[in-house]
Amino acid sequence: MDQIRSGRLSWLTARALIAALALGVVCGRASGGQAPAASTPSPAPPAAPVSPDKVVLKVGDQSVTEGQIEKAIHALPQQAQNSLARQGKKPFGDEYVLMLVLSQEALSNHLDESPDYKETLALTRLKILAQEEYQQIMQKAVVTPEETSKYFAAHQNDFEELQVLQVTVRKKPDGSKEGTPGFSPDEAKTRTEEIRQAFIAGQDPKQVADKFQMANVVRVDSQPFTVRRGQMRADLEKAAFALPPGQVTELFDFGTALGFVKVVSHQAGDLKSATPKIESTLRQQKISSAMDALKVNSKIWMDDAYFASPAAPQVSPQPQSTVGSPTGGPK
């Protein structure tokens, strides 16, 4: 990702550079959204104090200050900033120079007078204004501790947690090569049900795991782990949260495996651990409400015929087969 190709940053295309510089230099502000880094970077050495008015680059009669360069860099995704911190600012300076050279040549060719340029500039202006207003709305969407507590009291069941043991038995795909891990569908069902009955009978999970566990084929948890709502498949979650401690779900088909869970215990969620999720939910609700209010007050009209969804493609009917189905079922 951080390799340099032909003297340029491989992660920085010309279009991405110009967009970043437009946000950082033309607007004089850094973008709020940053892409997450692929991994946690090593701590960078303390940066030298910035001299905002110091000229650090010239192209013809156009000068660029350190403050402008720093704002442009801060408009880049975090991963790009981390790379520049390791490599130094020279590659970015080279790209900046290229942008200025190209833009000056474009002006000399009067490209700024073309209809395409003016339309693009107008659209870019709208996007920047919309981003700025959205940032204002986000800053105003403050969630108070009282709102958080009230939401938690009304949705306490949503933050309930389970301690569970999970069992999965891998199925071997039809027609798979010899040596492929897994059981045939029937064998997988038989083995999974056998393990399930052992759990129902109250056998010690460690003993069950020692008896049935098979690397890359059968997983039998001997120690429970915590699951929260939204972390399991919907049908499995519904079944598990409905069971009292000590009970076992029915078998579930996960496509490549069969499995079930045993509920060890229910745990009520606490306000402290639930607060980040609640704040995020309420903040988004406030943002959505503010956006909806803007739309209502803006007297919006859209041509429904123009913006209609495309018609679903018509599928030609297939001729009926005169033989049994591949699975041996009815015709």
Protein backbone atom coordinates (compact mmCIF):
# COMPACT_ATOMS: atom_id res chain seq x y z
CA MET A 1 0.00 0.00 0.00
CA ASP A 2 2.73 2.43 0.95
CA GLN A 3 5.06 1.71 -1.95
CA ILE A 4 6.12 4.56 -4.22
CA ARG A 5 5.72 4.00 -7.95
CA SER A 6 7.50 6.24 -10.45
CA GLY A 7 8.09 8.85 -7.78
CA ARG A 8 4.42 9.07 -6.78
CA LEU A 9 2.41 7.71 -3.86
CA SER A 10 0.66 4.59 -5.09
CA TRP A 11 -2.29 5.21 -2.77
CA LEU A 12 -2.89 8.70 -4.11
CA THR A 13 -4.48 9.07 -7.55
CA ALA A 14 -4.53 12.41 -9.30
CA ARG A 15 -8.28 12.72 -8.78
CA ALA A 16 -8.00 11.89 -5.06
CA LEU A 17 -5.20 14.41 -4.68
CA ILE A 18 -7.11 17.21 -6.34
CA ALA A 19 -10.20 16.43 -4.27
CA ALA A 20 -8.15 16.44 -1.08
CA LEU A 21 -6.38 19.66 -1.94
CA ALA A 22 -9.65 21.31 -2.91
CA LEU A 23 -11.02 20.57 0.54
CA GLY A 24 -7.83 21.50 2.37
CA VAL A 25 -6.69 24.55 0.40
CA VAL A 26 -9.64 26.08 -1.41
CA CYS A 27 -11.96 25.70 1.59
CA GLY A 28 -9.21 26.09 4.15
CA ARG A 29 -10.67 23.21 6.20
CA ALA A 30 -9.79 19.56 6.70
CA SER A 31 -12.33 16.91 5.90
CA GLY A 32 -14.03 15.35 8.93
CA GLY A 33 -14.20 11.80 7.49
CA GLN A 34 -11.10 9.67 7.62
CA ALA A 35 -10.59 6.10 6.44
CA PRO A 36 -9.46 3.75 9.20
CA ALA A 37 -5.86 2.62 9.06
CA ALA A 38 -5.24 -1.00 8.12
CA SER A 39 -3.25 -1.49 11.34
CA THR A 40 -2.28 0.53 14.37
CA PRO A 41 0.71 2.66 13.34
CA SER A 42 3.78 3.13 15.47
CA PRO A 43 3.74 6.39 17.42
CA ALA A 44 5.13 9.17 15.24
CA PRO A 45 7.82 11.47 16.60
CA PRO A 46 6.59 14.86 17.84
CA ALA A 47 5.90 17.17 14.90
CA ALA A 48 7.84 20.41 14.57
CA PRO A 49 5.83 23.58 15.22
CA VAL A 50 3.99 24.80 12.12
CA SER A 51 4.75 28.24 10.72
CA PRO A 52 1.48 28.90 8.85
CA ASP A 53 2.71 31.86 6.80
CA LYS A 54 6.08 30.43 5.82
CA VAL A 55 6.34 29.92 2.05
CA VAL A 56 7.53 26.36 1.38
CA LEU A 57 6.75 25.95 -2.33
CA LYS A 58 6.51 28.10 -5.44
CA VAL A 59 5.29 27.36 -8.96
CA GLY A 60 5.76 30.38 -11.18
CA ASP A 61 4.28 33.36 -9.36
CA GLN A 62 2.14 31.19 -7.09
CA SER A 63 3.36 30.62 -3.54
CA VAL A 64 2.14 27.99 -1.12
CA THR A 65 2.55 28.29 2.63
CA GLU A 66 3.28 25.65 5.22
CA GLY A 67 -0.17 26.19 6.67
CA GLN A 68 -1.80 25.38 3.32
CA ILE A 69 0.27 22.21 2.90
CA GLU A 70 -0.54 21.04 6.43
CA LYS A 71 -4.28 21.57 5.90
CA ALA A 72 -4.12 19.64 2.64
CA ILE A 73 -2.30 16.76 4.33
CA HIS A 74 -4.85 16.65 7.15
CA ALA A 75 -7.59 16.34 4.51
CA LEU A 76 -6.12 13.00 3.42
CA PRO A 77 -7.29 9.62 4.79
CA GLN A 78 -5.53 8.63 8.01
CA GLN A 79 -3.62 5.81 6.33
CA ALA A 80 -2.17 8.26 3.84
CA GLN A 81 -1.20 10.64 6.65
CA ASN A 82 0.53 7.79 8.48
CA SER A 83 2.49 6.92 5.35
CA LEU A 84 3.58 10.53 4.87
CA ALA A 85 4.66 10.67 8.51
CA ARG A 86 7.02 7.76 7.81
CA GLN A 87 8.22 8.83 4.35
CA GLY A 88 8.33 12.59 4.72
CA LYS A 89 6.35 15.26 2.84
CA LYS A 90 8.43 15.24 -0.38
CA PRO A 91 6.13 12.84 -2.31
CA PHE A 92 3.13 14.94 -1.37
CA GLY A 93 4.99 18.11 -2.37
CA ASP A 94 5.70 16.59 -5.79
CA GLU A 95 1.99 15.83 -6.25
CA TYR A 96 1.08 19.35 -5.11
CA VAL A 97 3.48 20.82 -7.65
CA LEU A 98 1.95 18.66 -10.37
CA MET A 99 -1.52 19.89 -9.45
CA LEU A 100 -0.44 23.53 -9.61
CA VAL A 101 1.40 23.05 -12.91
CA LEU A 102 -1.65 21.39 -14.47
CA SER A 103 -4.08 23.94 -13.07
CA GLN A 104 -1.98 26.87 -14.27
CA GLU A 105 -1.77 25.35 -17.74
CA ALA A 106 -5.53 24.79 -17.68
CA LEU A 107 -6.06 28.47 -16.89
CA SER A 108 -3.75 29.51 -19.73
CA ASN A 109 -5.88 27.36 -22.03
CA HIS A 110 -9.06 28.98 -20.65
CA LEU A 111 -10.44 25.63 -19.52
CA ASP A 112 -12.07 27.41 -16.59
CA GLU A 113 -14.43 29.03 -19.09
CA SER A 114 -15.78 25.74 -20.44
CA PRO A 115 -19.36 24.68 -19.58
CA ASP A 116 -18.11 21.36 -18.21
CA TYR A 117 -15.77 23.11 -15.79
CA LYS A 118 -18.46 25.47 -14.58
CA GLU A 119 -20.92 22.62 -14.04
CA THR A 120 -18.31 20.59 -12.16
CA LEU A 121 -17.34 23.60 -10.05
CA ALA A 122 -20.97 24.28 -9.19
CA LEU A 123 -21.54 20.65 -8.20
CA THR A 124 -18.36 20.63 -6.11
CA ARG A 125 -19.52 23.78 -4.36
CA LEU A 126 -22.85 22.14 -3.53
CA LYS A 127 -21.10 19.07 -2.15
CA ILE A 128 -18.80 21.12 0.06
CA LEU A 129 -21.66 23.25 1.38
CA ALA A 130 -23.71 20.13 2.07
CA GLN A 131 -20.78 18.56 3.96
CA GLU A 132 -20.31 21.71 6.01
CA GLU A 133 -23.99 21.85 6.95
CA TYR A 134 -24.02 18.16 7.80
CA GLN A 135 -21.07 18.75 10.12
CA GLN A 136 -23.05 21.54 11.80
CA ILE A 137 -26.03 19.22 12.27
CA MET A 138 -23.78 16.52 13.74
CA GLN A 139 -22.26 18.98 16.21
CA LYS A 140 -25.71 20.02 17.38
CA ALA A 141 -26.86 16.40 17.84
CA VAL A 142 -25.76 16.21 21.47
CA VAL A 143 -27.04 13.33 23.58
CA THR A 144 -27.43 14.06 27.29
CA PRO A 145 -26.90 11.54 30.12
CA GLU A 146 -30.60 11.89 30.97
CA GLU A 147 -31.58 10.87 27.43
CA THR A 148 -29.21 7.91 27.59
CA SER A 149 -30.64 6.70 30.92
CA LYS A 150 -34.21 7.09 29.69
CA TYR A 151 -33.50 5.09 26.53
CA PHE A 152 -31.77 2.35 28.50
CA ALA A 153 -34.71 2.02 30.89
CA ALA A 154 -37.14 1.68 27.98
CA HIS A 155 -34.99 -0.78 25.97
CA GLN A 156 -33.22 -2.75 28.68
CA ASN A 157 -34.01 -6.10 27.05
CA ASP A 158 -32.13 -4.99 23.93
CA PHE A 159 -28.90 -5.01 25.94
CA GLU A 160 -29.36 -8.42 27.53
CA GLU A 161 -26.41 -10.78 27.09
CA LEU A 162 -26.12 -14.55 27.04
CA GLN A 163 -23.38 -16.89 28.11
CA VAL A 164 -23.51 -19.76 25.63
CA LEU A 165 -21.72 -22.88 24.48
CA GLN A 166 -21.66 -23.40 20.73
CA VAL A 167 -21.41 -26.58 18.70
CA THR A 168 -20.88 -26.74 14.93
CA VAL A 169 -20.32 -29.78 12.72
CA ARG A 170 -18.97 -29.20 9.25
CA LYS A 171 -20.75 -30.66 6.24
CA LYS A 172 -18.85 -32.01 3.25
CA PRO A 173 -20.14 -30.53 -0.03
CA ASP A 174 -21.64 -32.94 -2.55
CA GLY A 175 -19.07 -34.15 -5.03
CA SER A 176 -16.14 -32.96 -2.94
CA LYS A 177 -12.72 -34.52 -3.38
CA GLU A 178 -11.47 -37.31 -1.17
CA GLY A 179 -9.93 -35.93 2.00
CA THR A 180 -12.15 -32.85 2.13
CA PRO A 181 -12.89 -32.09 5.81
CA GLY A 182 -16.43 -32.73 7.00
CA PHE A 183 -19.22 -35.28 7.14
CA SER A 184 -21.91 -36.08 4.63
CA PRO A 185 -25.17 -34.20 5.40
CA ASP A 186 -26.72 -37.27 7.04
CA GLU A 187 -23.59 -38.06 9.04
CA ALA A 188 -23.30 -34.42 10.12
CA LYS A 189 -26.90 -34.43 11.34
CA THR A 190 -26.39 -37.65 13.26
CA ARG A 191 -23.18 -36.41 14.90
CA THR A 192 -24.64 -32.99 15.78
CA GLU A 193 -27.73 -34.56 17.35
CA GLU A 194 -25.55 -36.95 19.33
CA ILE A 195 -23.63 -34.03 20.81
CA ARG A 196 -26.87 -32.14 21.44
CA GLN A 197 -28.30 -35.06 23.41
CA ALA A 198 -25.14 -35.16 25.51
CA PHE A 199 -25.64 -31.51 26.42
CA ILE A 200 -29.33 -32.08 27.14
CA ALA A 201 -28.35 -34.91 29.49
CA GLY A 202 -26.19 -32.46 31.41
CA GLN A 203 -22.83 -34.00 30.62
CA ASP A 204 -19.77 -31.93 31.44
CA PRO A 205 -18.91 -29.70 28.43
CA LYS A 206 -15.20 -30.50 28.71
CA GLN A 207 -15.87 -34.23 28.58
CA VAL A 208 -18.19 -33.74 25.60
CA ALA A 209 -15.53 -31.66 23.86
CA ASP A 210 -12.85 -34.27 24.55
CA LYS A 211 -15.07 -36.97 23.09
CA PHE A 212 -16.38 -35.25 19.94
CA GLN A 213 -14.01 -32.42 19.01
CA MET A 214 -12.34 -32.81 15.61
CA ALA A 215 -9.97 -30.21 14.21
CA ASN A 216 -11.51 -28.28 11.32
CA VAL A 217 -14.65 -30.46 11.44
CA VAL A 218 -16.35 -30.46 14.86
CA ARG A 219 -16.27 -27.54 17.26
CA VAL A 220 -17.51 -28.12 20.80
CA ASP A 221 -17.08 -25.26 23.25
CA SER A 222 -16.05 -26.29 26.73
CA GLN A 223 -16.05 -22.71 28.05
CA PRO A 224 -19.00 -20.33 27.60
CA PHE A 225 -18.65 -17.01 25.83
CA THR A 226 -20.78 -13.87 25.76
CA VAL A 227 -23.11 -12.94 22.91
CA ARG A 228 -25.23 -9.83 22.56
CA ARG A 229 -28.30 -9.17 20.50
CA GLY A 230 -27.39 -8.66 16.88
CA GLN A 231 -24.33 -10.90 17.00
CA MET A 232 -26.06 -14.13 15.94
CA ARG A 233 -28.20 -15.12 13.01
CA ALA A 234 -31.71 -13.81 13.60
CA ASP A 235 -33.47 -17.15 13.94
CA LEU A 236 -30.77 -18.59 16.20
CA GLU A 237 -30.76 -15.43 18.31
CA LYS A 238 -34.53 -15.54 18.75
CA ALA A 239 -34.39 -19.17 19.86
CA ALA A 240 -31.44 -18.71 22.21
CA PHE A 241 -32.69 -15.60 24.00
CA ALA A 242 -36.07 -17.27 24.53
CA LEU A 243 -34.53 -20.24 26.39
CA PRO A 244 -33.90 -20.40 30.13
CA PRO A 245 -30.39 -21.25 31.38
CA GLY A 246 -29.42 -24.86 30.86
CA GLN A 247 -31.58 -25.36 27.77
CA VAL A 248 -30.39 -26.22 24.26
CA THR A 249 -31.68 -24.90 20.94
CA GLU A 250 -32.80 -27.09 18.07
CA LEU A 251 -30.38 -27.86 15.25
CA PHE A 252 -29.73 -25.06 12.78
CA ASP A 253 -28.41 -25.42 9.26
CA PHE A 254 -25.72 -22.80 8.55
CA GLY A 255 -25.11 -23.95 4.99
CA THR A 256 -21.63 -25.37 5.41
CA ALA A 257 -22.31 -26.72 8.89
CA LEU A 258 -24.98 -27.79 11.36
CA GLY A 259 -25.02 -26.48 14.89
CA PHE A 260 -26.77 -25.35 18.03
CA VAL A 261 -26.07 -23.42 21.22
CA LYS A 262 -26.63 -24.19 24.87
CA VAL A 263 -27.66 -21.25 27.03
CA VAL A 264 -25.57 -21.14 30.20
CA SER A 265 -26.90 -17.91 31.69
CA HIS A 266 -28.75 -14.65 31.00
CA GLN A 267 -27.13 -11.40 32.03
CA ALA A 268 -28.85 -8.04 32.17
CA GLY A 269 -26.95 -5.33 30.34
CA ASP A 270 -25.63 -2.41 32.35
CA LEU A 271 -25.94 1.26 31.50
CA LYS A 272 -22.18 1.86 31.36
CA SER A 273 -21.48 -0.74 28.69
CA ALA A 274 -24.65 0.17 26.78
CA THR A 275 -23.97 3.93 26.75
CA PRO A 276 -21.79 4.11 23.57
CA LYS A 277 -24.37 2.22 21.50
CA ILE A 278 -27.26 4.23 22.94
CA GLU A 279 -25.49 7.54 22.29
CA SER A 280 -24.78 6.50 18.70
CA THR A 281 -28.42 5.47 18.19
CA LEU A 282 -29.86 8.66 19.67
CA ARG A 283 -27.38 10.87 17.85
CA GLN A 284 -28.32 9.29 14.53
CA GLN A 285 -32.00 9.72 15.36
CA LYS A 286 -31.43 13.42 16.00
CA ILE A 287 -29.49 13.81 12.78
CA SER A 288 -32.20 12.00 10.81
CA SER A 289 -34.90 14.16 12.41
CA ALA A 290 -33.01 17.33 11.54
CA MET A 291 -32.56 16.15 7.95
CA ASP A 292 -36.26 15.23 7.67
CA ALA A 293 -37.24 18.66 8.99
CA LEU A 294 -35.04 20.34 6.38
CA LYS A 295 -36.70 18.31 3.63
CA VAL A 296 -40.21 19.19 4.87
CA ASN A 297 -39.38 22.89 4.96
CA SER A 298 -37.72 22.86 1.54
CA LYS A 299 -40.85 22.20 -0.59
CA ILE A 300 -39.29 19.34 -2.54
CA TRP A 301 -40.78 18.12 -5.82
CA MET A 302 -39.49 15.21 -7.89
CA ASP A 303 -40.65 13.88 -11.22
CA ASP A 304 -41.84 10.41 -10.17
CA ALA A 305 -41.77 9.11 -13.72
CA TYR A 306 -38.14 10.14 -14.21
CA PHE A 307 -36.99 8.82 -10.83
CA ALA A 308 -39.04 5.62 -10.96
CA SER A 309 -37.28 2.34 -10.23
CA PRO A 310 -36.47 0.29 -13.32
CA ALA A 311 -39.02 -2.35 -14.22
CA ALA A 312 -38.14 -5.86 -13.13
CA PRO A 313 -36.78 -7.92 -16.03
CA GLN A 314 -39.25 -10.41 -17.41
CA VAL A 315 -38.04 -13.99 -17.21
CA SER A 316 -39.14 -16.34 -19.96
CA PRO A 317 -40.89 -19.39 -18.52
CA GLN A 318 -38.76 -22.51 -18.57
CA PRO A 319 -40.19 -25.72 -20.04
CA GLN A 320 -41.36 -28.26 -17.47
CA SER A 321 -38.98 -31.15 -16.89
CA THR A 322 -40.28 -34.60 -17.67
CA VAL A 323 -37.89 -36.32 -15.28
CA GLY A 324 -37.48 -36.30 -11.52
CA SER A 325 -35.61 -33.47 -9.79
CA PRO A 326 -31.86 -33.87 -9.24
CA THR A 327 -32.47 -34.51 -5.54
CA GLY A 328 -34.83 -37.34 -6.24
CA GLY A 329 -37.88 -35.37 -5.17
CA PRO A 330 -41.19 -35.12 -6.95
CA LYS A 331 -41.37 -34.11 -10.58
